[in-house]
N, C-alpha and C. Protein backbone atom coordinates (compact mmCIF):
# COMPACT_ATOMS: atom_id res chain seq x y z
N MET A 1 -26.30 98.42 174.07
CA MET A 1 -25.04 97.74 173.96
C MET A 1 -25.20 96.60 172.98
N ASN A 2 -24.20 96.39 172.16
CA ASN A 2 -24.24 95.36 171.14
C ASN A 2 -23.85 94.03 171.76
N THR A 3 -24.75 93.04 171.68
CA THR A 3 -24.48 91.73 172.28
C THR A 3 -24.06 90.70 171.24
N GLU A 4 -23.97 91.10 169.96
CA GLU A 4 -23.54 90.14 168.94
C GLU A 4 -22.07 89.84 169.11
N PRO A 5 -21.69 88.58 168.87
CA PRO A 5 -20.27 88.27 168.91
C PRO A 5 -19.55 89.01 167.79
N SER A 6 -18.30 89.36 168.05
CA SER A 6 -17.55 90.16 167.08
C SER A 6 -17.36 89.44 165.76
N SER A 7 -17.33 88.11 165.75
CA SER A 7 -17.13 87.38 164.50
C SER A 7 -18.34 87.48 163.58
N SER A 8 -19.51 87.75 164.13
CA SER A 8 -20.70 87.82 163.29
C SER A 8 -20.96 89.24 162.77
N ARG A 9 -20.16 90.21 163.22
CA ARG A 9 -20.33 91.59 162.74
C ARG A 9 -19.88 91.68 161.29
N ARG A 10 -20.59 92.45 160.55
CA ARG A 10 -20.22 92.66 159.16
C ARG A 10 -19.33 93.90 159.05
N LYS A 11 -18.32 93.76 158.23
CA LYS A 11 -17.47 94.92 157.97
C LYS A 11 -18.13 95.75 156.88
N ALA A 12 -18.04 97.05 157.04
CA ALA A 12 -18.58 97.95 156.02
C ALA A 12 -17.64 97.91 154.82
N THR A 13 -18.19 97.64 153.68
CA THR A 13 -17.36 97.59 152.48
C THR A 13 -17.86 98.62 151.48
N ARG A 14 -16.93 99.10 150.66
CA ARG A 14 -17.28 100.04 149.61
C ARG A 14 -17.79 99.26 148.41
N PRO A 15 -18.79 99.74 147.76
CA PRO A 15 -19.26 99.04 146.56
C PRO A 15 -18.21 99.18 145.45
N GLN A 16 -18.03 98.14 144.68
CA GLN A 16 -17.10 98.15 143.55
C GLN A 16 -17.80 98.78 142.36
N LEU A 17 -17.15 99.73 141.73
CA LEU A 17 -17.71 100.39 140.56
C LEU A 17 -17.21 99.71 139.30
N THR A 18 -18.07 99.62 138.34
CA THR A 18 -17.68 99.06 137.04
C THR A 18 -17.73 100.18 136.02
N LEU A 19 -17.28 99.89 134.81
CA LEU A 19 -17.32 100.91 133.75
C LEU A 19 -18.73 101.40 133.51
N ALA A 20 -19.70 100.52 133.65
CA ALA A 20 -21.10 100.91 133.43
C ALA A 20 -21.57 101.90 134.49
N ASP A 21 -20.96 101.87 135.69
CA ASP A 21 -21.37 102.75 136.78
C ASP A 21 -20.80 104.16 136.64
N ARG A 22 -19.78 104.35 135.84
CA ARG A 22 -19.14 105.67 135.73
C ARG A 22 -20.07 106.64 135.03
N GLN A 23 -19.93 107.91 135.39
CA GLN A 23 -20.83 108.92 134.87
C GLN A 23 -20.17 109.67 133.72
N SER A 24 -20.98 110.05 132.76
CA SER A 24 -20.49 110.84 131.64
C SER A 24 -20.29 112.28 132.13
N PRO A 25 -19.54 113.08 131.38
CA PRO A 25 -19.36 114.49 131.77
C PRO A 25 -20.69 115.23 131.90
N GLU A 26 -21.67 114.88 131.06
CA GLU A 26 -22.97 115.55 131.14
C GLU A 26 -23.66 115.20 132.46
N GLN A 27 -23.54 113.94 132.89
CA GLN A 27 -24.17 113.53 134.14
C GLN A 27 -23.48 114.20 135.33
N VAL A 28 -22.17 114.32 135.27
CA VAL A 28 -21.43 114.95 136.36
C VAL A 28 -21.84 116.41 136.49
N ALA A 29 -22.07 117.09 135.37
CA ALA A 29 -22.46 118.50 135.41
C ALA A 29 -23.79 118.68 136.10
N ASP A 30 -24.65 117.67 136.08
CA ASP A 30 -25.97 117.77 136.71
C ASP A 30 -25.94 117.45 138.20
N LEU A 31 -24.82 116.99 138.73
CA LEU A 31 -24.74 116.63 140.15
C LEU A 31 -24.75 117.89 141.02
N PRO A 32 -25.32 117.79 142.22
CA PRO A 32 -25.30 118.94 143.13
C PRO A 32 -23.88 119.18 143.64
N PRO A 33 -23.59 120.39 144.09
CA PRO A 33 -22.25 120.68 144.61
C PRO A 33 -21.93 119.78 145.80
N SER A 34 -20.67 119.42 145.92
CA SER A 34 -20.25 118.54 147.01
C SER A 34 -19.99 119.36 148.27
N SER A 35 -19.88 118.67 149.39
CA SER A 35 -19.59 119.35 150.65
C SER A 35 -18.14 119.79 150.66
N SER A 36 -17.77 120.65 151.60
CA SER A 36 -16.42 121.18 151.64
C SER A 36 -15.38 120.10 151.89
N SER A 37 -15.70 119.06 152.66
CA SER A 37 -14.71 118.00 152.90
C SER A 37 -14.47 117.21 151.62
N ASP A 38 -15.53 117.02 150.82
CA ASP A 38 -15.35 116.35 149.53
C ASP A 38 -14.52 117.22 148.60
N GLU A 39 -14.76 118.52 148.67
CA GLU A 39 -14.04 119.45 147.82
C GLU A 39 -12.56 119.44 148.14
N GLU A 40 -12.21 119.46 149.45
CA GLU A 40 -10.81 119.42 149.84
C GLU A 40 -10.16 118.14 149.37
N GLU A 41 -10.87 117.04 149.49
CA GLU A 41 -10.32 115.75 149.07
C GLU A 41 -10.11 115.73 147.56
N SER A 42 -11.07 116.28 146.81
CA SER A 42 -10.93 116.26 145.35
C SER A 42 -9.83 117.20 144.89
N ASN A 43 -9.63 118.33 145.58
CA ASN A 43 -8.57 119.25 145.20
C ASN A 43 -7.20 118.64 145.39
N SER A 44 -7.04 117.79 146.38
CA SER A 44 -5.73 117.20 146.62
C SER A 44 -5.40 116.14 145.58
N ASN A 45 -6.40 115.67 144.85
CA ASN A 45 -6.17 114.63 143.85
C ASN A 45 -6.13 115.17 142.43
N THR A 46 -6.27 116.47 142.26
CA THR A 46 -6.27 117.01 140.91
C THR A 46 -4.85 117.27 140.44
N THR A 47 -4.66 117.21 139.14
CA THR A 47 -3.35 117.50 138.58
C THR A 47 -3.36 118.91 138.06
N PRO A 48 -2.21 119.58 138.09
CA PRO A 48 -2.17 120.95 137.60
C PRO A 48 -2.33 120.98 136.09
N ASP A 49 -2.80 122.12 135.59
CA ASP A 49 -2.92 122.27 134.14
C ASP A 49 -1.53 122.27 133.53
N LEU A 50 -1.37 121.49 132.47
CA LEU A 50 -0.09 121.42 131.77
C LEU A 50 -0.16 122.27 130.52
N PRO A 51 0.99 122.79 130.07
CA PRO A 51 0.96 123.59 128.85
C PRO A 51 0.58 122.72 127.66
N ASP A 52 0.03 123.36 126.67
CA ASP A 52 -0.39 122.66 125.46
C ASP A 52 0.82 122.02 124.79
N SER A 53 0.73 120.72 124.51
CA SER A 53 1.86 120.00 123.95
C SER A 53 2.13 120.39 122.51
N THR A 54 1.24 121.12 121.90
CA THR A 54 1.46 121.54 120.52
C THR A 54 2.26 122.83 120.43
N MET A 55 2.53 123.46 121.56
CA MET A 55 3.31 124.69 121.55
C MET A 55 4.74 124.36 121.15
N ALA A 56 5.30 125.15 120.28
CA ALA A 56 6.68 124.94 119.86
C ALA A 56 7.62 125.46 120.94
N THR A 57 8.63 124.69 121.24
CA THR A 57 9.61 125.13 122.21
C THR A 57 10.93 125.36 121.49
N LYS A 58 11.61 126.40 121.87
CA LYS A 58 12.88 126.73 121.26
C LYS A 58 13.94 125.77 121.80
N PRO A 59 14.70 125.13 120.92
CA PRO A 59 15.73 124.21 121.41
C PRO A 59 16.81 124.99 122.15
N THR A 60 17.31 124.41 123.20
CA THR A 60 18.37 125.03 123.96
C THR A 60 19.60 124.14 123.94
N GLU A 61 20.75 124.76 124.10
CA GLU A 61 21.99 124.00 124.09
C GLU A 61 22.10 123.18 125.36
N LEU A 62 22.75 122.03 125.23
CA LEU A 62 23.02 121.20 126.40
C LEU A 62 24.06 121.91 127.26
N LYS A 63 23.97 121.72 128.55
CA LYS A 63 24.89 122.39 129.47
C LYS A 63 26.17 121.56 129.59
N ILE A 64 27.03 121.71 128.60
CA ILE A 64 28.34 121.07 128.63
C ILE A 64 29.38 122.15 128.40
N SER A 65 30.63 121.85 128.67
CA SER A 65 31.64 122.87 128.45
C SER A 65 31.82 123.11 126.95
N THR A 66 32.03 124.34 126.61
CA THR A 66 32.20 124.72 125.22
C THR A 66 33.64 124.43 124.78
N PRO A 67 33.85 124.31 123.48
CA PRO A 67 35.23 124.09 123.00
C PRO A 67 36.13 125.26 123.41
N SER A 68 37.40 124.97 123.54
CA SER A 68 38.34 126.04 123.88
C SER A 68 38.53 126.94 122.66
N PHE A 69 39.10 128.10 122.87
CA PHE A 69 39.36 129.01 121.77
C PHE A 69 40.63 128.56 121.06
N PHE A 70 40.60 128.61 119.74
CA PHE A 70 41.72 128.16 118.93
C PHE A 70 42.50 129.38 118.45
N ASP A 71 43.82 129.34 118.64
CA ASP A 71 44.65 130.48 118.26
C ASP A 71 45.46 130.24 116.99
N GLY A 72 45.32 129.08 116.38
CA GLY A 72 46.04 128.79 115.15
C GLY A 72 47.22 127.85 115.35
N ASN A 73 47.53 127.46 116.58
CA ASN A 73 48.63 126.54 116.86
C ASN A 73 48.29 125.18 116.25
N THR A 74 49.10 124.72 115.31
CA THR A 74 48.82 123.47 114.60
C THR A 74 48.87 122.26 115.53
N ASN A 75 49.61 122.34 116.62
CA ASN A 75 49.66 121.22 117.57
C ASN A 75 48.31 121.00 118.27
N ASP A 76 47.51 122.04 118.36
CA ASP A 76 46.22 121.96 119.04
C ASP A 76 45.04 121.80 118.08
N ALA A 77 45.30 121.84 116.78
CA ALA A 77 44.23 121.90 115.78
C ALA A 77 43.32 120.68 115.81
N ALA A 78 43.88 119.48 115.81
CA ALA A 78 43.05 118.26 115.75
C ALA A 78 42.15 118.15 116.98
N GLN A 79 42.73 118.36 118.16
CA GLN A 79 41.94 118.27 119.40
C GLN A 79 40.83 119.33 119.41
N TRP A 80 41.16 120.53 118.98
CA TRP A 80 40.16 121.60 118.94
C TRP A 80 39.04 121.25 117.97
N MET A 81 39.42 120.74 116.78
CA MET A 81 38.42 120.39 115.77
C MET A 81 37.47 119.32 116.30
N TYR A 82 38.00 118.30 116.96
CA TYR A 82 37.15 117.24 117.53
C TYR A 82 36.20 117.80 118.59
N SER A 83 36.69 118.73 119.40
CA SER A 83 35.82 119.28 120.44
C SER A 83 34.70 120.12 119.83
N VAL A 84 34.99 120.84 118.74
CA VAL A 84 33.95 121.63 118.07
C VAL A 84 32.92 120.71 117.42
N ILE A 85 33.39 119.67 116.74
CA ILE A 85 32.48 118.73 116.09
C ILE A 85 31.57 118.06 117.13
N ALA A 86 32.16 117.62 118.25
CA ALA A 86 31.36 116.98 119.30
C ALA A 86 30.33 117.95 119.87
N TYR A 87 30.73 119.18 120.10
CA TYR A 87 29.83 120.20 120.65
C TYR A 87 28.65 120.45 119.72
N ILE A 88 28.93 120.61 118.44
CA ILE A 88 27.87 120.86 117.47
C ILE A 88 26.97 119.64 117.31
N ASP A 89 27.56 118.45 117.29
CA ASP A 89 26.76 117.22 117.17
C ASP A 89 25.83 117.03 118.37
N LEU A 90 26.31 117.33 119.57
CA LEU A 90 25.47 117.20 120.76
C LEU A 90 24.32 118.21 120.77
N ASN A 91 24.52 119.30 120.09
CA ASN A 91 23.50 120.35 120.04
C ASN A 91 22.89 120.47 118.65
N GLU A 92 22.64 119.32 118.01
CA GLU A 92 22.13 119.31 116.64
C GLU A 92 20.77 120.00 116.49
N GLU A 93 20.00 120.09 117.56
CA GLU A 93 18.70 120.77 117.47
C GLU A 93 18.86 122.29 117.41
N VAL A 94 20.02 122.79 117.82
CA VAL A 94 20.30 124.22 117.76
C VAL A 94 21.00 124.56 116.45
N TYR A 95 22.01 123.77 116.12
CA TYR A 95 22.81 124.00 114.90
C TYR A 95 22.22 123.16 113.77
N THR A 96 21.15 123.67 113.18
CA THR A 96 20.35 122.89 112.24
C THR A 96 20.79 123.01 110.78
N ASN A 97 21.71 123.91 110.49
CA ASN A 97 22.19 124.02 109.10
C ASN A 97 23.67 124.36 109.11
N ASN A 98 24.29 124.27 107.94
CA ASN A 98 25.74 124.48 107.85
C ASN A 98 26.15 125.90 108.23
N ASN A 99 25.33 126.89 107.90
CA ASN A 99 25.67 128.27 108.27
C ASN A 99 25.83 128.40 109.78
N LYS A 100 24.90 127.85 110.53
CA LYS A 100 24.98 127.93 111.99
C LYS A 100 26.20 127.18 112.51
N LYS A 101 26.51 126.06 111.90
CA LYS A 101 27.68 125.27 112.33
C LYS A 101 28.97 126.03 112.06
N ILE A 102 29.06 126.65 110.88
CA ILE A 102 30.26 127.42 110.53
C ILE A 102 30.43 128.60 111.47
N ILE A 103 29.36 129.33 111.71
CA ILE A 103 29.44 130.49 112.60
C ILE A 103 29.84 130.05 114.01
N ALA A 104 29.31 128.92 114.47
CA ALA A 104 29.70 128.42 115.79
C ALA A 104 31.19 128.12 115.84
N ALA A 105 31.70 127.44 114.82
CA ALA A 105 33.13 127.11 114.79
C ALA A 105 33.97 128.38 114.73
N LEU A 106 33.56 129.34 113.89
CA LEU A 106 34.30 130.60 113.79
C LEU A 106 34.32 131.36 115.11
N SER A 107 33.27 131.22 115.89
CA SER A 107 33.21 131.95 117.17
C SER A 107 34.26 131.46 118.17
N PHE A 108 34.78 130.26 117.95
CA PHE A 108 35.83 129.74 118.83
C PHE A 108 37.23 129.97 118.25
N MET A 109 37.30 130.74 117.17
CA MET A 109 38.57 131.08 116.54
C MET A 109 38.73 132.60 116.62
N ASN A 110 39.11 133.10 117.77
CA ASN A 110 39.17 134.56 117.90
C ASN A 110 40.52 135.07 118.39
N LYS A 111 41.54 134.23 118.35
CA LYS A 111 42.87 134.65 118.81
C LYS A 111 43.92 134.28 117.77
N GLY A 112 45.00 135.01 117.77
CA GLY A 112 46.15 134.69 116.92
C GLY A 112 45.80 134.60 115.44
N THR A 113 46.54 133.73 114.74
CA THR A 113 46.33 133.58 113.30
C THR A 113 44.95 133.01 112.99
N ALA A 114 44.42 132.17 113.86
CA ALA A 114 43.08 131.61 113.65
C ALA A 114 42.02 132.71 113.71
N GLY A 115 42.22 133.67 114.61
CA GLY A 115 41.28 134.79 114.71
C GLY A 115 41.29 135.64 113.46
N SER A 116 42.48 135.91 112.92
CA SER A 116 42.58 136.69 111.68
C SER A 116 41.93 135.94 110.52
N TRP A 117 42.19 134.63 110.43
CA TRP A 117 41.61 133.82 109.36
C TRP A 117 40.09 133.79 109.47
N ALA A 118 39.57 133.59 110.68
CA ALA A 118 38.12 133.52 110.89
C ALA A 118 37.46 134.85 110.54
N GLU A 119 38.11 135.94 110.87
CA GLU A 119 37.56 137.26 110.56
C GLU A 119 37.46 137.45 109.04
N ALA A 120 38.51 137.08 108.32
CA ALA A 120 38.49 137.20 106.85
C ALA A 120 37.43 136.29 106.24
N TYR A 121 37.31 135.08 106.76
CA TYR A 121 36.32 134.12 106.26
C TYR A 121 34.92 134.66 106.48
N TYR A 122 34.67 135.21 107.65
CA TYR A 122 33.35 135.74 107.99
C TYR A 122 33.00 136.93 107.09
N GLU A 123 33.97 137.81 106.85
CA GLU A 123 33.73 138.97 105.99
C GLU A 123 33.39 138.52 104.57
N THR A 124 34.12 137.52 104.06
CA THR A 124 33.84 137.00 102.72
C THR A 124 32.45 136.39 102.67
N ALA A 125 32.10 135.65 103.68
CA ALA A 125 30.80 134.98 103.73
C ALA A 125 29.66 135.98 103.76
N THR A 126 29.82 137.04 104.50
CA THR A 126 28.73 138.02 104.62
C THR A 126 28.58 138.87 103.36
N THR A 127 29.68 139.06 102.61
CA THR A 127 29.57 139.87 101.39
C THR A 127 29.17 139.04 100.17
N SER A 128 29.65 137.79 100.09
CA SER A 128 29.35 136.97 98.90
C SER A 128 28.26 135.95 99.14
N GLY A 129 27.87 135.79 100.37
CA GLY A 129 26.82 134.81 100.70
C GLY A 129 27.42 133.50 101.18
N TRP A 130 26.79 132.92 102.17
CA TRP A 130 27.30 131.68 102.78
C TRP A 130 27.30 130.52 101.81
N GLY A 131 26.38 130.50 100.88
CA GLY A 131 26.28 129.39 99.93
C GLY A 131 27.42 129.36 98.92
N ASN A 132 28.16 130.46 98.76
CA ASN A 132 29.24 130.52 97.77
C ASN A 132 30.59 130.09 98.33
N LEU A 133 30.64 129.73 99.58
CA LEU A 133 31.90 129.32 100.18
C LEU A 133 32.09 127.83 100.02
N GLY A 134 33.30 127.40 99.98
CA GLY A 134 33.48 125.95 99.85
C GLY A 134 34.80 125.45 100.25
């Protein structure tokens, strides 16, 4: 039985490690395997492998509502045009050149007189080349 007063007992403390105490990867490789309880503890503290940050990722469109379809009604033209411009600007990583922007705008012109105009414009562009339009 321990007869020492409780105030004179020493608390067990962990030694403080300094940078000089840390082991290099070569030293760690030479260490013996740890026990299973150490292994479980170390597994819970590991981070999952992350994909290589140098991998190129394909830009995706933001999840916002798309512009409405334009039928050629002049009363709706300005509002429609602003919605198309905003949509393309928000998705600038997808619509990286004028051809993509034009095709996106044309895709929302598929009804009425606007649909007929867009179809003719697209046919001209595909036969004479996108760079010749103005």
